[in-house]
N, C-alpha and C. Protein backbone atom coordinates (compact mmCIF):
# COMPACT_ATOMS: atom_id res chain seq x y z
N MET A 1 15.95 3.54 -3.85
CA MET A 1 16.43 2.86 -2.65
C MET A 1 15.80 1.47 -2.60
N ALA A 2 16.35 0.54 -3.35
CA ALA A 2 15.79 -0.80 -3.46
C ALA A 2 16.01 -1.61 -2.19
N ASP A 3 16.86 -1.15 -1.29
CA ASP A 3 17.15 -1.92 -0.08
C ASP A 3 16.25 -1.53 1.09
N PHE A 4 15.11 -0.92 0.83
CA PHE A 4 14.16 -0.54 1.88
C PHE A 4 13.66 -1.79 2.58
N GLU A 5 13.86 -1.84 3.89
CA GLU A 5 13.38 -2.94 4.73
C GLU A 5 12.45 -2.33 5.77
N PRO A 6 11.12 -2.52 5.61
CA PRO A 6 10.20 -1.91 6.56
C PRO A 6 10.35 -2.50 7.96
N GLU A 7 10.19 -1.65 8.95
CA GLU A 7 10.26 -2.10 10.34
C GLU A 7 8.92 -2.63 10.81
N GLY A 8 7.83 -2.10 10.28
CA GLY A 8 6.49 -2.54 10.67
C GLY A 8 6.02 -3.71 9.84
N ARG A 9 4.95 -4.34 10.31
CA ARG A 9 4.37 -5.47 9.58
C ARG A 9 2.97 -5.17 9.08
N HIS A 10 2.36 -4.12 9.60
CA HIS A 10 1.01 -3.75 9.19
C HIS A 10 1.11 -2.79 8.00
N PRO A 11 0.23 -2.93 7.00
CA PRO A 11 0.32 -2.05 5.82
C PRO A 11 0.35 -0.57 6.15
N ARG A 12 -0.43 -0.14 7.14
CA ARG A 12 -0.43 1.27 7.53
C ARG A 12 0.94 1.71 8.03
N HIS A 13 1.57 0.87 8.84
CA HIS A 13 2.90 1.22 9.36
C HIS A 13 3.93 1.27 8.24
N ILE A 14 3.85 0.35 7.30
CA ILE A 14 4.80 0.34 6.18
C ILE A 14 4.64 1.59 5.33
N LEU A 15 3.41 1.94 4.99
CA LEU A 15 3.18 3.14 4.18
C LEU A 15 3.59 4.41 4.91
N ASN A 16 3.32 4.48 6.21
CA ASN A 16 3.77 5.64 7.00
C ASN A 16 5.29 5.71 7.04
N GLU A 17 5.94 4.57 7.15
CA GLU A 17 7.40 4.55 7.20
C GLU A 17 7.99 5.07 5.88
N ILE A 18 7.41 4.65 4.77
CA ILE A 18 7.88 5.15 3.46
C ILE A 18 7.71 6.66 3.40
N LYS A 19 6.54 7.12 3.82
CA LYS A 19 6.26 8.56 3.79
C LYS A 19 7.20 9.35 4.69
N TRP A 20 7.34 8.94 5.96
CA TRP A 20 8.11 9.72 6.92
C TRP A 20 9.61 9.60 6.75
N ARG A 21 10.08 8.56 6.08
CA ARG A 21 11.51 8.50 5.73
C ARG A 21 11.83 9.39 4.55
N GLY A 22 10.79 9.92 3.91
CA GLY A 22 11.00 10.79 2.75
C GLY A 22 11.31 10.02 1.48
N LEU A 23 10.92 8.74 1.45
CA LEU A 23 11.14 7.94 0.25
C LEU A 23 10.12 8.33 -0.81
N ASP A 24 10.40 8.01 -2.05
CA ASP A 24 9.55 8.40 -3.18
C ASP A 24 8.28 7.56 -3.21
N MET A 25 7.14 8.17 -2.87
CA MET A 25 5.86 7.47 -2.86
C MET A 25 5.44 7.03 -4.26
N GLU A 26 6.00 7.66 -5.28
CA GLU A 26 5.71 7.29 -6.67
C GLU A 26 6.25 5.90 -6.99
N LYS A 27 7.27 5.46 -6.25
CA LYS A 27 7.87 4.14 -6.47
C LYS A 27 7.13 3.03 -5.73
N CYS A 28 6.09 3.39 -5.00
CA CYS A 28 5.36 2.44 -4.17
C CYS A 28 4.03 2.10 -4.84
N GLU A 29 3.82 0.80 -5.12
CA GLU A 29 2.56 0.33 -5.70
C GLU A 29 1.82 -0.52 -4.68
N ILE A 30 0.50 -0.37 -4.65
CA ILE A 30 -0.33 -1.08 -3.69
C ILE A 30 -1.40 -1.85 -4.45
N ASP A 31 -1.46 -3.17 -4.24
CA ASP A 31 -2.53 -3.99 -4.79
C ASP A 31 -3.63 -4.06 -3.74
N VAL A 32 -4.86 -3.74 -4.16
CA VAL A 32 -5.99 -3.65 -3.25
C VAL A 32 -7.10 -4.57 -3.73
N LEU A 33 -7.72 -5.31 -2.78
CA LEU A 33 -8.89 -6.12 -3.09
C LEU A 33 -10.02 -5.20 -3.50
N HIS A 34 -10.53 -5.40 -4.70
CA HIS A 34 -11.60 -4.56 -5.24
C HIS A 34 -12.54 -5.46 -6.04
N ARG A 35 -13.56 -5.96 -5.37
CA ARG A 35 -14.48 -6.90 -6.00
C ARG A 35 -15.14 -6.27 -7.21
N GLY A 36 -15.16 -7.02 -8.30
CA GLY A 36 -15.75 -6.52 -9.53
C GLY A 36 -14.70 -6.07 -10.53
N ALA A 37 -13.51 -5.75 -10.06
CA ALA A 37 -12.41 -5.38 -10.95
C ALA A 37 -11.82 -6.67 -11.54
N PRO A 38 -11.10 -6.58 -12.64
CA PRO A 38 -10.46 -7.78 -13.17
C PRO A 38 -9.60 -8.45 -12.09
N LYS A 39 -9.80 -9.74 -11.88
CA LYS A 39 -9.11 -10.53 -10.85
C LYS A 39 -9.35 -9.98 -9.45
N ASP A 40 -10.42 -9.21 -9.27
CA ASP A 40 -10.80 -8.62 -7.97
C ASP A 40 -9.69 -7.79 -7.34
N LYS A 41 -8.91 -7.11 -8.17
CA LYS A 41 -7.79 -6.34 -7.64
C LYS A 41 -7.54 -5.11 -8.49
N ILE A 42 -7.16 -4.02 -7.82
CA ILE A 42 -6.67 -2.84 -8.52
C ILE A 42 -5.28 -2.52 -7.97
N THR A 43 -4.49 -1.85 -8.76
CA THR A 43 -3.16 -1.41 -8.33
C THR A 43 -3.12 0.10 -8.40
N ILE A 44 -2.70 0.71 -7.28
CA ILE A 44 -2.60 2.16 -7.22
C ILE A 44 -1.23 2.57 -6.70
N ARG A 45 -0.83 3.76 -7.02
CA ARG A 45 0.44 4.31 -6.51
C ARG A 45 0.20 4.98 -5.17
N ALA A 46 1.15 4.82 -4.27
CA ALA A 46 1.02 5.43 -2.95
C ALA A 46 0.97 6.95 -3.04
N SER A 47 1.51 7.50 -4.11
CA SER A 47 1.47 8.96 -4.28
C SER A 47 0.05 9.46 -4.54
N GLU A 48 -0.89 8.55 -4.83
CA GLU A 48 -2.27 8.92 -5.12
C GLU A 48 -3.20 8.78 -3.92
N ILE A 49 -2.65 8.44 -2.74
CA ILE A 49 -3.50 8.20 -1.58
C ILE A 49 -3.16 9.17 -0.44
N SER A 50 -4.10 9.26 0.49
CA SER A 50 -3.87 9.98 1.75
C SER A 50 -4.04 8.96 2.87
N LEU A 51 -3.10 8.93 3.78
CA LEU A 51 -3.12 7.96 4.87
C LEU A 51 -3.97 8.46 6.03
N GLY A 52 -4.77 7.55 6.58
CA GLY A 52 -5.57 7.85 7.76
C GLY A 52 -5.33 6.78 8.81
N ARG A 53 -6.09 6.81 9.86
CA ARG A 53 -5.89 5.86 10.96
C ARG A 53 -6.38 4.45 10.61
N SER A 54 -7.62 4.30 10.20
CA SER A 54 -8.18 2.99 9.88
C SER A 54 -8.37 2.76 8.39
N PHE A 55 -8.35 3.85 7.64
CA PHE A 55 -8.57 3.81 6.21
C PHE A 55 -7.53 4.67 5.52
N PHE A 56 -7.35 4.43 4.22
CA PHE A 56 -6.64 5.40 3.41
C PHE A 56 -7.61 5.87 2.34
N THR A 57 -7.37 7.06 1.82
CA THR A 57 -8.28 7.65 0.86
C THR A 57 -7.64 7.64 -0.52
N TYR A 58 -8.40 7.16 -1.49
CA TYR A 58 -7.99 7.13 -2.89
C TYR A 58 -9.07 7.86 -3.67
N GLY A 59 -8.76 9.05 -4.12
CA GLY A 59 -9.80 9.89 -4.71
C GLY A 59 -10.78 10.26 -3.62
N GLU A 60 -12.05 9.91 -3.82
CA GLU A 60 -13.06 10.18 -2.81
C GLU A 60 -13.45 8.91 -2.05
N THR A 61 -12.72 7.82 -2.31
CA THR A 61 -13.05 6.53 -1.71
C THR A 61 -12.17 6.24 -0.50
N MET A 62 -12.81 5.85 0.60
CA MET A 62 -12.08 5.43 1.79
C MET A 62 -11.95 3.91 1.75
N ILE A 63 -10.72 3.42 1.84
CA ILE A 63 -10.44 1.99 1.73
C ILE A 63 -9.78 1.52 3.02
N PRO A 64 -10.32 0.48 3.66
CA PRO A 64 -9.68 -0.02 4.88
C PRO A 64 -8.36 -0.73 4.56
N TYR A 65 -7.42 -0.60 5.48
CA TYR A 65 -6.09 -1.20 5.26
C TYR A 65 -6.15 -2.72 5.09
N HIS A 66 -7.16 -3.38 5.65
CA HIS A 66 -7.22 -4.84 5.53
C HIS A 66 -7.49 -5.28 4.09
N ARG A 67 -7.81 -4.36 3.21
CA ARG A 67 -8.02 -4.71 1.80
C ARG A 67 -6.71 -4.69 1.00
N ILE A 68 -5.64 -4.24 1.62
CA ILE A 68 -4.35 -4.24 0.92
C ILE A 68 -3.85 -5.68 0.82
N LEU A 69 -3.55 -6.10 -0.41
CA LEU A 69 -3.06 -7.45 -0.66
C LEU A 69 -1.54 -7.50 -0.74
N ARG A 70 -0.94 -6.46 -1.32
CA ARG A 70 0.50 -6.45 -1.53
C ARG A 70 0.98 -5.01 -1.64
N ILE A 71 2.18 -4.76 -1.11
CA ILE A 71 2.84 -3.46 -1.29
C ILE A 71 4.20 -3.74 -1.91
N ARG A 72 4.50 -3.01 -2.98
CA ARG A 72 5.82 -3.11 -3.62
C ARG A 72 6.48 -1.74 -3.57
N TYR A 73 7.76 -1.73 -3.23
CA TYR A 73 8.52 -0.49 -3.27
C TYR A 73 9.68 -0.69 -4.24
N ASP A 74 9.74 0.15 -5.24
CA ASP A 74 10.80 0.10 -6.25
C ASP A 74 10.87 -1.30 -6.88
N GLY A 75 9.69 -1.91 -7.11
CA GLY A 75 9.62 -3.21 -7.76
C GLY A 75 9.77 -4.41 -6.84
N ARG A 76 10.09 -4.18 -5.58
CA ARG A 76 10.32 -5.27 -4.62
C ARG A 76 9.16 -5.37 -3.63
N THR A 77 8.65 -6.57 -3.42
CA THR A 77 7.55 -6.77 -2.49
C THR A 77 8.04 -6.56 -1.06
N VAL A 78 7.34 -5.66 -0.33
CA VAL A 78 7.68 -5.41 1.08
C VAL A 78 6.55 -5.83 2.02
N PHE A 79 5.40 -6.19 1.44
CA PHE A 79 4.28 -6.69 2.23
C PHE A 79 3.40 -7.57 1.36
N VAL A 80 2.99 -8.74 1.90
CA VAL A 80 2.02 -9.62 1.26
C VAL A 80 1.05 -10.08 2.32
N ARG A 81 -0.23 -9.93 2.04
CA ARG A 81 -1.25 -10.40 2.96
C ARG A 81 -1.32 -11.92 2.85
N GLU A 82 -1.26 -12.59 3.98
CA GLU A 82 -1.36 -14.05 3.99
C GLU A 82 -2.78 -14.43 3.65
N GLN A 83 -2.93 -15.43 2.79
CA GLN A 83 -4.25 -15.93 2.42
C GLN A 83 -4.82 -16.78 3.55
N ARG A 84 -6.07 -16.61 3.82
CA ARG A 84 -6.72 -17.39 4.88
C ARG A 84 -7.38 -18.61 4.32
């Protein structure tokens, strides 16, 4: 479903919308600020996370939503964090 248009603007709302619409979380990639990683970023699939209120969990790591840099669904960017 390449025509997914999220209604929310916050990364948590977008990820919840993908989940609750029953869209394929495997098609959703998330770029996360991760200092020390190449280019200070890691990319993970939404199917590998658990959503929480202020954080999402990846493995045993709790990551705050403000660290999300970009969300892509089916190859299309649906969220980009504005640079300050």
